[in-house]
Amino acid sequence: VAENRFLNSFSHIFSGGYAAGYFSYKWAEVLAADAYEFVKESGGIGSKSSNDFRRHILEIGGSLDFMDQYIKFRGSRPKMDGLLKASGISIK
């Protein structure tokens, strides 16, 4: 539509802080998918890894440094492989 070129632009993503907010959504997806894959591969619900998730992530909330707690739960920093798999993107 000639009167409205907004449909053809992406400027709303890169101005006004939207990009920072979008990044936080994607980062949350990375964390969720990585934790899910790790727990699933380690025995699922009721396994040691699921109990570690509860103890190191859910019970702590925001009271301690998140990445330190995630590493205690997972044994490493989060990886993007789980999100790629959940998105149907081959990682191998």
PDB file of N, CA and C in Angstrom:
ATOM      1  N   VAL A   1       0.850  -1.169   0.000  1.00  0.00           N
ATOM      2  CA  VAL A   1       0.000   0.000   0.000  1.00  0.00           C
ATOM      3  C   VAL A   1       0.891   1.226   0.000  1.00  0.00           C
ATOM      4  N   ALA A   2       0.723   2.095  -0.945  1.00  0.00           N
ATOM      5  CA  ALA A   2       1.576   3.272  -1.095  1.00  0.00           C
ATOM      6  C   ALA A   2       1.541   4.189   0.121  1.00  0.00           C
ATOM      7  N   GLU A   3       0.397   4.293   0.767  1.00  0.00           N
ATOM      8  CA  GLU A   3       0.260   5.199   1.907  1.00  0.00           C
ATOM      9  C   GLU A   3       0.951   4.677   3.159  1.00  0.00           C
ATOM     10  N   ASN A   4       1.238   3.411   3.209  1.00  0.00           N
ATOM     11  CA  ASN A   4       1.784   2.822   4.434  1.00  0.00           C
ATOM     12  C   ASN A   4       2.938   1.895   4.086  1.00  0.00           C
ATOM     13  N   ARG A   5       4.130   2.382   4.199  1.00  0.00           N
ATOM     14  CA  ARG A   5       5.303   1.564   3.875  1.00  0.00           C
ATOM     15  C   ARG A   5       5.839   0.838   5.105  1.00  0.00           C
ATOM     16  N   PHE A   6       5.189   0.976   6.248  1.00  0.00           N
ATOM     17  CA  PHE A   6       5.617   0.292   7.464  1.00  0.00           C
ATOM     18  C   PHE A   6       5.700  -1.218   7.244  1.00  0.00           C
ATOM     19  N   LEU A   7       4.789  -1.752   6.472  1.00  0.00           N
ATOM     20  CA  LEU A   7       4.761  -3.187   6.222  1.00  0.00           C
ATOM     21  C   LEU A   7       6.043  -3.681   5.562  1.00  0.00           C
ATOM     22  N   ASN A   8       6.742  -2.801   4.863  1.00  0.00           N
ATOM     23  CA  ASN A   8       7.948  -3.186   4.139  1.00  0.00           C
ATOM     24  C   ASN A   8       9.223  -2.842   4.887  1.00  0.00           C
ATOM     25  N   SER A   9       9.134  -2.441   6.114  1.00  0.00           N
ATOM     26  CA  SER A   9      10.337  -2.026   6.835  1.00  0.00           C
ATOM     27  C   SER A   9      10.514  -2.813   8.123  1.00  0.00           C
ATOM     28  N   PHE A  10      11.738  -2.796   8.603  1.00  0.00           N
ATOM     29  CA  PHE A  10      12.057  -3.450   9.859  1.00  0.00           C
ATOM     30  C   PHE A  10      12.571  -2.448  10.886  1.00  0.00           C
ATOM     31  N   SER A  11      12.372  -1.171  10.637  1.00  0.00           N
ATOM     32  CA  SER A  11      12.924  -0.165  11.543  1.00  0.00           C
ATOM     33  C   SER A  11      12.363  -0.289  12.950  1.00  0.00           C
ATOM     34  N   HIS A  12      11.159  -0.819  13.111  1.00  0.00           N
ATOM     35  CA  HIS A  12      10.596  -0.961  14.451  1.00  0.00           C
ATOM     36  C   HIS A  12      11.398  -1.945  15.303  1.00  0.00           C
ATOM     37  N   ILE A  13      12.107  -2.871  14.679  1.00  0.00           N
ATOM     38  CA  ILE A  13      12.908  -3.840  15.415  1.00  0.00           C
ATOM     39  C   ILE A  13      14.176  -3.205  15.948  1.00  0.00           C
ATOM     40  N   PHE A  14      14.747  -2.273  15.201  1.00  0.00           N
ATOM     41  CA  PHE A  14      16.059  -1.747  15.534  1.00  0.00           C
ATOM     42  C   PHE A  14      16.040  -0.408  16.253  1.00  0.00           C
ATOM     43  N   SER A  15      14.881   0.128  16.521  1.00  0.00           N
ATOM     44  CA  SER A  15      14.827   1.409  17.228  1.00  0.00           C
ATOM     45  C   SER A  15      13.906   1.287  18.430  1.00  0.00           C
ATOM     46  N   GLY A  16      14.132   2.114  19.404  1.00  0.00           N
ATOM     47  CA  GLY A  16      13.230   2.167  20.549  1.00  0.00           C
ATOM     48  C   GLY A  16      13.396   1.051  21.564  1.00  0.00           C
ATOM     49  N   GLY A  17      14.469   0.292  21.523  1.00  0.00           N
ATOM     50  CA  GLY A  17      14.703  -0.742  22.520  1.00  0.00           C
ATOM     51  C   GLY A  17      14.051  -2.084  22.243  1.00  0.00           C
ATOM     52  N   TYR A  18      13.310  -2.198  21.161  1.00  0.00           N
ATOM     53  CA  TYR A  18      12.634  -3.462  20.858  1.00  0.00           C
ATOM     54  C   TYR A  18      13.631  -4.603  20.684  1.00  0.00           C
ATOM     55  N   ALA A  19      14.754  -4.335  20.051  1.00  0.00           N
ATOM     56  CA  ALA A  19      15.742  -5.380  19.792  1.00  0.00           C
ATOM     57  C   ALA A  19      16.246  -5.979  21.095  1.00  0.00           C
ATOM     58  N   ALA A  20      16.475  -5.154  22.104  1.00  0.00           N
ATOM     59  CA  ALA A  20      16.942  -5.655  23.394  1.00  0.00           C
ATOM     60  C   ALA A  20      15.884  -6.548  24.026  1.00  0.00           C
ATOM     61  N   GLY A  21      14.641  -6.155  23.925  1.00  0.00           N
ATOM     62  CA  GLY A  21      13.563  -6.984  24.456  1.00  0.00           C
ATOM     63  C   GLY A  21      13.444  -8.291  23.701  1.00  0.00           C
ATOM     64  N   TYR A  22      13.562  -8.231  22.390  1.00  0.00           N
ATOM     65  CA  TYR A  22      13.488  -9.438  21.575  1.00  0.00           C
ATOM     66  C   TYR A  22      14.622 -10.394  21.918  1.00  0.00           C
ATOM     67  N   PHE A  23      15.817  -9.842  22.140  1.00  0.00           N
ATOM     68  CA  PHE A  23      16.951 -10.672  22.522  1.00  0.00           C
ATOM     69  C   PHE A  23      16.645 -11.424  23.814  1.00  0.00           C
ATOM     70  N   SER A  24      16.027 -10.772  24.770  1.00  0.00           N
ATOM     71  CA  SER A  24      15.743 -11.446  26.042  1.00  0.00           C
ATOM     72  C   SER A  24      14.765 -12.602  25.835  1.00  0.00           C
ATOM     73  N   TYR A  25      13.807 -12.441  24.907  1.00  0.00           N
ATOM     74  CA  TYR A  25      12.892 -13.548  24.613  1.00  0.00           C
ATOM     75  C   TYR A  25      13.647 -14.726  24.012  1.00  0.00           C
ATOM     76  N   LYS A  26      14.536 -14.438  23.068  1.00  0.00           N
ATOM     77  CA  LYS A  26      15.300 -15.521  22.429  1.00  0.00           C
ATOM     78  C   LYS A  26      16.233 -16.189  23.437  1.00  0.00           C
ATOM     79  N   TRP A  27      16.840 -15.400  24.320  1.00  0.00           N
ATOM     80  CA  TRP A  27      17.731 -15.968  25.334  1.00  0.00           C
ATOM     81  C   TRP A  27      16.941 -16.890  26.257  1.00  0.00           C
ATOM     82  N   ALA A  28      15.732 -16.499  26.624  1.00  0.00           N
ATOM     83  CA  ALA A  28      14.881 -17.351  27.463  1.00  0.00           C
ATOM     84  C   ALA A  28      14.559 -18.657  26.733  1.00  0.00           C
ATOM     85  N   GLU A  29      14.350 -18.587  25.428  1.00  0.00           N
ATOM     86  CA  GLU A  29      14.095 -19.799  24.642  1.00  0.00           C
ATOM     87  C   GLU A  29      15.318 -20.712  24.626  1.00  0.00           C
ATOM     88  N   VAL A  30      16.504 -20.128  24.502  1.00  0.00           N
ATOM     89  CA  VAL A  30      17.745 -20.919  24.534  1.00  0.00           C
ATOM     90  C   VAL A  30      17.845 -21.649  25.874  1.00  0.00           C
ATOM     91  N   LEU A  31      17.638 -20.936  26.965  1.00  0.00           N
ATOM     92  CA  LEU A  31      17.738 -21.536  28.299  1.00  0.00           C
ATOM     93  C   LEU A  31      16.708 -22.641  28.496  1.00  0.00           C
ATOM     94  N   ALA A  32      15.471 -22.379  28.111  1.00  0.00           N
ATOM     95  CA  ALA A  32      14.412 -23.372  28.287  1.00  0.00           C
ATOM     96  C   ALA A  32      14.682 -24.631  27.471  1.00  0.00           C
ATOM     97  N   ALA A  33      15.067 -24.464  26.220  1.00  0.00           N
ATOM     98  CA  ALA A  33      15.321 -25.617  25.357  1.00  0.00           C
ATOM     99  C   ALA A  33      16.544 -26.399  25.830  1.00  0.00           C
ATOM    100  N   ASP A  34      17.586 -25.712  26.261  1.00  0.00           N
ATOM    101  CA  ASP A  34      18.788 -26.382  26.743  1.00  0.00           C
ATOM    102  C   ASP A  34      18.491 -27.171  28.016  1.00  0.00           C
ATOM    103  N   ALA A  35      17.776 -26.555  28.952  1.00  0.00           N
ATOM    104  CA  ALA A  35      17.428 -27.249  30.199  1.00  0.00           C
ATOM    105  C   ALA A  35      16.537 -28.455  29.908  1.00  0.00           C
ATOM    106  N   TYR A  36      15.562 -28.282  29.020  1.00  0.00           N
ATOM    107  CA  TYR A  36      14.657 -29.378  28.661  1.00  0.00           C
ATOM    108  C   TYR A  36      15.427 -30.562  28.069  1.00  0.00           C
ATOM    109  N   GLU A  37      16.280 -30.279  27.088  1.00  0.00           N
ATOM    110  CA  GLU A  37      17.051 -31.352  26.455  1.00  0.00           C
ATOM    111  C   GLU A  37      17.970 -32.045  27.465  1.00  0.00           C
ATOM    112  N   PHE A  38      18.587 -31.267  28.339  1.00  0.00           N
ATOM    113  CA  PHE A  38      19.484 -31.850  29.326  1.00  0.00           C
ATOM    114  C   PHE A  38      18.730 -32.779  30.274  1.00  0.00           C
ATOM    115  N   VAL A  39      17.599 -32.318  30.791  1.00  0.00           N
ATOM    116  CA  VAL A  39      16.815 -33.150  31.710  1.00  0.00           C
ATOM    117  C   VAL A  39      16.287 -34.384  30.978  1.00  0.00           C
ATOM    118  N   LYS A  40      15.793 -34.196  29.766  1.00  0.00           N
ATOM    119  CA  LYS A  40      15.260 -35.316  28.975  1.00  0.00           C
ATOM    120  C   LYS A  40      16.332 -36.377  28.731  1.00  0.00           C
ATOM    121  N   GLU A  41      17.536 -35.940  28.349  1.00  0.00           N
ATOM    122  CA  GLU A  41      18.627 -36.874  28.075  1.00  0.00           C
ATOM    123  C   GLU A  41      19.187 -37.519  29.341  1.00  0.00           C
ATOM    124  N   SER A  42      18.904 -36.905  30.495  1.00  0.00           N
ATOM    125  CA  SER A  42      19.461 -37.390  31.763  1.00  0.00           C
ATOM    126  C   SER A  42      18.446 -38.150  32.601  1.00  0.00           C
ATOM    127  N   GLY A  43      17.349 -38.577  32.011  1.00  0.00           N
ATOM    128  CA  GLY A  43      16.402 -39.409  32.736  1.00  0.00           C
ATOM    129  C   GLY A  43      15.017 -38.824  32.907  1.00  0.00           C
ATOM    130  N   GLY A  44      14.813 -37.579  32.530  1.00  0.00           N
ATOM    131  CA  GLY A  44      13.482 -36.987  32.581  1.00  0.00           C
ATOM    132  C   GLY A  44      13.038 -36.583  33.973  1.00  0.00           C
ATOM    133  N   ILE A  45      11.731 -36.417  34.117  1.00  0.00           N
ATOM    134  CA  ILE A  45      11.155 -35.991  35.387  1.00  0.00           C
ATOM    135  C   ILE A  45      11.432 -37.049  36.448  1.00  0.00           C
ATOM    136  N   GLY A  46      11.849 -36.611  37.616  1.00  0.00           N
ATOM    137  CA  GLY A  46      12.182 -37.514  38.713  1.00  0.00           C
ATOM    138  C   GLY A  46      13.649 -37.896  38.745  1.00  0.00           C
ATOM    139  N   SER A  47      14.397 -37.529  37.709  1.00  0.00           N
ATOM    140  CA  SER A  47      15.819 -37.860  37.667  1.00  0.00           C
ATOM    141  C   SER A  47      16.617 -36.869  38.512  1.00  0.00           C
ATOM    142  N   LYS A  48      17.884 -37.170  38.707  1.00  0.00           N
ATOM    143  CA  LYS A  48      18.769 -36.271  39.438  1.00  0.00           C
ATOM    144  C   LYS A  48      18.815 -34.910  38.761  1.00  0.00           C
ATOM    145  N   SER A  49      18.868 -34.882  37.439  1.00  0.00           N
ATOM    146  CA  SER A  49      18.950 -33.601  36.735  1.00  0.00           C
ATOM    147  C   SER A  49      17.681 -32.770  36.935  1.00  0.00           C
ATOM    148  N   SER A  50      16.515 -33.395  36.974  1.00  0.00           N
ATOM    149  CA  SER A  50      15.290 -32.632  37.207  1.00  0.00           C
ATOM    150  C   SER A  50      15.257 -32.097  38.634  1.00  0.00           C
ATOM    151  N   ASN A  51      15.754 -32.857  39.571  1.00  0.00           N
ATOM    152  CA  ASN A  51      15.843 -32.372  40.954  1.00  0.00           C
ATOM    153  C   ASN A  51      16.874 -31.260  41.079  1.00  0.00           C
ATOM    154  N   ASP A  52      17.973 -31.367  40.327  1.00  0.00           N
ATOM    155  CA  ASP A  52      18.971 -30.294  40.318  1.00  0.00           C
ATOM    156  C   ASP A  52      18.385 -29.014  39.738  1.00  0.00           C
ATOM    157  N   PHE A  53      17.553 -29.140  38.710  1.00  0.00           N
ATOM    158  CA  PHE A  53      16.896 -27.962  38.133  1.00  0.00           C
ATOM    159  C   PHE A  53      16.025 -27.284  39.183  1.00  0.00           C
ATOM    160  N   ARG A  54      15.253 -28.076  39.883  1.00  0.00           N
ATOM    161  CA  ARG A  54      14.407 -27.519  40.935  1.00  0.00           C
ATOM    162  C   ARG A  54      15.246 -26.834  41.996  1.00  0.00           C
ATOM    163  N   ARG A  55      16.288 -27.511  42.463  1.00  0.00           N
ATOM    164  CA  ARG A  55      17.103 -26.998  43.570  1.00  0.00           C
ATOM    165  C   ARG A  55      17.924 -25.766  43.163  1.00  0.00           C
ATOM    166  N   HIS A  56      18.584 -25.815  42.001  1.00  0.00           N
ATOM    167  CA  HIS A  56      19.512 -24.745  41.615  1.00  0.00           C
ATOM    168  C   HIS A  56      18.865 -23.588  40.861  1.00  0.00           C
ATOM    169  N   ILE A  57      17.708 -23.831  40.234  1.00  0.00           N
ATOM    170  CA  ILE A  57      17.071 -22.774  39.446  1.00  0.00           C
ATOM    171  C   ILE A  57      15.765 -22.302  40.098  1.00  0.00           C
ATOM    172  N   LEU A  58      14.806 -23.198  40.229  1.00  0.00           N
ATOM    173  CA  LEU A  58      13.486 -22.794  40.700  1.00  0.00           C
ATOM    174  C   LEU A  58      13.482 -22.327  42.148  1.00  0.00           C
ATOM    175  N   GLU A  59      14.134 -23.062  43.028  1.00  0.00           N
ATOM    176  CA  GLU A  59      14.119 -22.689  44.439  1.00  0.00           C
ATOM    177  C   GLU A  59      14.910 -21.421  44.722  1.00  0.00           C
ATOM    178  N   ILE A  60      15.945 -21.168  43.950  1.00  0.00           N
ATOM    179  CA  ILE A  60      16.813 -20.009  44.168  1.00  0.00           C
ATOM    180  C   ILE A  60      16.171 -18.728  43.634  1.00  0.00           C
ATOM    181  N   GLY A  61      15.435 -18.857  42.521  1.00  0.00           N
ATOM    182  CA  GLY A  61      14.827 -17.668  41.915  1.00  0.00           C
ATOM    183  C   GLY A  61      15.891 -16.672  41.495  1.00  0.00           C
ATOM    184  N   GLY A  62      15.689 -15.418  41.800  1.00  0.00           N
ATOM    185  CA  GLY A  62      16.640 -14.381  41.428  1.00  0.00           C
ATOM    186  C   GLY A  62      17.562 -13.973  42.557  1.00  0.00           C
ATOM    187  N   SER A  63      17.665 -14.801  43.584  1.00  0.00           N
ATOM    188  CA  SER A  63      18.454 -14.406  44.759  1.00  0.00           C
ATOM    189  C   SER A  63      19.961 -14.568  44.578  1.00  0.00           C
ATOM    190  N   LEU A  64      20.389 -15.367  43.605  1.00  0.00           N
ATOM    191  CA  LEU A  64      21.813 -15.568  43.322  1.00  0.00           C
ATOM    192  C   LEU A  64      22.065 -15.363  41.836  1.00  0.00           C
ATOM    193  N   ASP A  65      23.327 -15.267  41.459  1.00  0.00           N
ATOM    194  CA  ASP A  65      23.685 -15.093  40.053  1.00  0.00           C
ATOM    195  C   ASP A  65      23.148 -16.264  39.232  1.00  0.00           C
ATOM    196  N   PHE A  66      22.349 -15.931  38.219  1.00  0.00           N
ATOM    197  CA  PHE A  66      21.685 -16.977  37.451  1.00  0.00           C
ATOM    198  C   PHE A  66      22.663 -17.907  36.749  1.00  0.00           C
ATOM    199  N   MET A  67      23.674 -17.358  36.083  1.00  0.00           N
ATOM    200  CA  MET A  67      24.574 -18.214  35.307  1.00  0.00           C
ATOM    201  C   MET A  67      25.349 -19.160  36.216  1.00  0.00           C
ATOM    202  N   ASP A  68      25.752 -18.685  37.389  1.00  0.00           N
ATOM    203  CA  ASP A  68      26.409 -19.586  38.346  1.00  0.00           C
ATOM    204  C   ASP A  68      25.492 -20.738  38.714  1.00  0.00           C
ATOM    205  N   GLN A  69      24.225 -20.434  38.955  1.00  0.00           N
ATOM    206  CA  GLN A  69      23.257 -21.472  39.313  1.00  0.00           C
ATOM    207  C   GLN A  69      22.995 -22.410  38.142  1.00  0.00           C
ATOM    208  N   TYR A  70      22.934 -21.861  36.927  1.00  0.00           N
ATOM    209  CA  TYR A  70      22.698 -22.702  35.749  1.00  0.00           C
ATOM    210  C   TYR A  70      23.850 -23.689  35.565  1.00  0.00           C
ATOM    211  N   ILE A  71      25.056 -23.214  35.761  1.00  0.00           N
ATOM    212  CA  ILE A  71      26.221 -24.095  35.625  1.00  0.00           C
ATOM    213  C   ILE A  71      26.197 -25.182  36.708  1.00  0.00           C
ATOM    214  N   LYS A  72      25.752 -24.848  37.906  1.00  0.00           N
ATOM    215  CA  LYS A  72      25.610 -25.876  38.952  1.00  0.00           C
ATOM    216  C   LYS A  72      24.588 -26.924  38.531  1.00  0.00           C
ATOM    217  N   PHE A  73      23.491 -26.485  37.928  1.00  0.00           N
ATOM    218  CA  PHE A  73      22.459 -27.412  37.453  1.00  0.00           C
ATOM    219  C   PHE A  73      22.955 -28.246  36.283  1.00  0.00           C
ATOM    220  N   ARG A  74      23.498 -27.611  35.276  1.00  0.00           N
ATOM    221  CA  ARG A  74      23.794 -28.252  33.988  1.00  0.00           C
ATOM    222  C   ARG A  74      25.207 -28.814  33.890  1.00  0.00           C
ATOM    223  N   GLY A  75      26.125 -28.202  34.665  1.00  0.00           N
ATOM    224  CA  GLY A  75      27.520 -28.603  34.563  1.00  0.00           C
ATOM    225  C   GLY A  75      28.267 -27.842  33.488  1.00  0.00           C
ATOM    226  N   SER A  76      27.571 -26.966  32.770  1.00  0.00           N
ATOM    227  CA  SER A  76      28.190 -26.147  31.730  1.00  0.00           C
ATOM    228  C   SER A  76      27.261 -24.978  31.409  1.00  0.00           C
ATOM    229  N   ARG A  77      27.778 -24.062  30.617  1.00  0.00           N
ATOM    230  CA  ARG A  77      26.954 -22.940  30.166  1.00  0.00           C
ATOM    231  C   ARG A  77      25.912 -23.466  29.166  1.00  0.00           C
ATOM    232  N   PRO A  78      24.814 -22.751  28.978  1.00  0.00           N
ATOM    233  CA  PRO A  78      23.793 -23.201  28.025  1.00  0.00           C
ATOM    234  C   PRO A  78      24.317 -23.236  26.592  1.00  0.00           C
ATOM    235  N   LYS A  79      23.773 -24.160  25.832  1.00  0.00           N
ATOM    236  CA  LYS A  79      24.127 -24.318  24.426  1.00  0.00           C
ATOM    237  C   LYS A  79      22.883 -24.056  23.577  1.00  0.00           C
ATOM    238  N   MET A  80      23.072 -23.659  22.342  1.00  0.00           N
ATOM    239  CA  MET A  80      21.948 -23.364  21.448  1.00  0.00           C
ATOM    240  C   MET A  80      21.373 -24.613  20.788  1.00  0.00           C
ATOM    241  N   ASP A  81      22.010 -25.752  20.933  1.00  0.00           N
ATOM    242  CA  ASP A  81      21.575 -26.963  20.230  1.00  0.00           C
ATOM    243  C   ASP A  81      20.111 -27.311  20.493  1.00  0.00           C
ATOM    244  N   GLY A  82      19.657 -27.181  21.740  1.00  0.00           N
ATOM    245  CA  GLY A  82      18.269 -27.510  22.068  1.00  0.00           C
ATOM    246  C   GLY A  82      17.276 -26.623  21.332  1.00  0.00           C
ATOM    247  N   LEU A  83      17.572 -25.330  21.246  1.00  0.00           N
ATOM    248  CA  LEU A  83      16.682 -24.403  20.533  1.00  0.00           C
ATOM    249  C   LEU A  83      16.684 -24.702  19.040  1.00  0.00           C
ATOM    250  N   LEU A  84      17.847 -24.998  18.487  1.00  0.00           N
ATOM    251  CA  LEU A  84      17.905 -25.338  17.066  1.00  0.00           C
ATOM    252  C   LEU A  84      17.091 -26.593  16.785  1.00  0.00           C
ATOM    253  N   LYS A  85      17.209 -27.588  17.656  1.00  0.00           N
ATOM    254  CA  LYS A  85      16.451 -28.824  17.494  1.00  0.00           C
ATOM    255  C   LYS A  85      14.946 -28.549  17.608  1.00  0.00           C
ATOM    256  N   ALA A  86      14.555 -27.762  18.616  1.00  0.00           N
ATOM    257  CA  ALA A  86      13.132 -27.436  18.811  1.00  0.00           C
ATOM    258  C   ALA A  86      12.577 -26.639  17.636  1.00  0.00           C
ATOM    259  N   SER A  87      13.440 -25.897  16.960  1.00  0.00           N
ATOM    260  CA  SER A  87      13.031 -25.082  15.817  1.00  0.00           C
ATOM    261  C   SER A  87      13.079 -25.845  14.501  1.00  0.00           C
ATOM    262  N   GLY A  88      13.493 -27.108  14.572  1.00  0.00           N
ATOM    263  CA  GLY A  88      13.555 -27.929  13.357  1.00  0.00           C
ATOM    264  C   GLY A  88      14.777 -27.661  12.504  1.00  0.00           C
ATOM    265  N   ILE A  89      15.803 -27.086  13.120  1.00  0.00           N
ATOM    266  CA  ILE A  89      17.034 -26.789  12.395  1.00  0.00           C
ATOM    267  C   ILE A  89      18.057 -27.857  12.760  1.00  0.00           C
ATOM    268  N   SER A  90      18.591 -28.528  11.775  1.00  0.00           N
ATOM    269  CA  SER A  90      19.555 -29.597  12.002  1.00  0.00           C
ATOM    270  C   SER A  90      20.832 -29.025  12.588  1.00  0.00           C
ATOM    271  N   ILE A  91      21.389 -29.703  13.606  1.00  0.00           N
ATOM    272  CA  ILE A  91      22.625 -29.242  14.224  1.00  0.00           C
ATOM    273  C   ILE A  91      23.809 -30.133  13.860  1.00  0.00           C
ATOM    274  N   LYS A  92      23.574 -31.131  13.079  1.00  0.00           N
ATOM    275  CA  LYS A  92      24.662 -32.032  12.702  1.00  0.00           C
ATOM    276  C   LYS A  92      24.828 -32.043  11.211  1.00  0.00           C
TER     277      LYS A  92
END
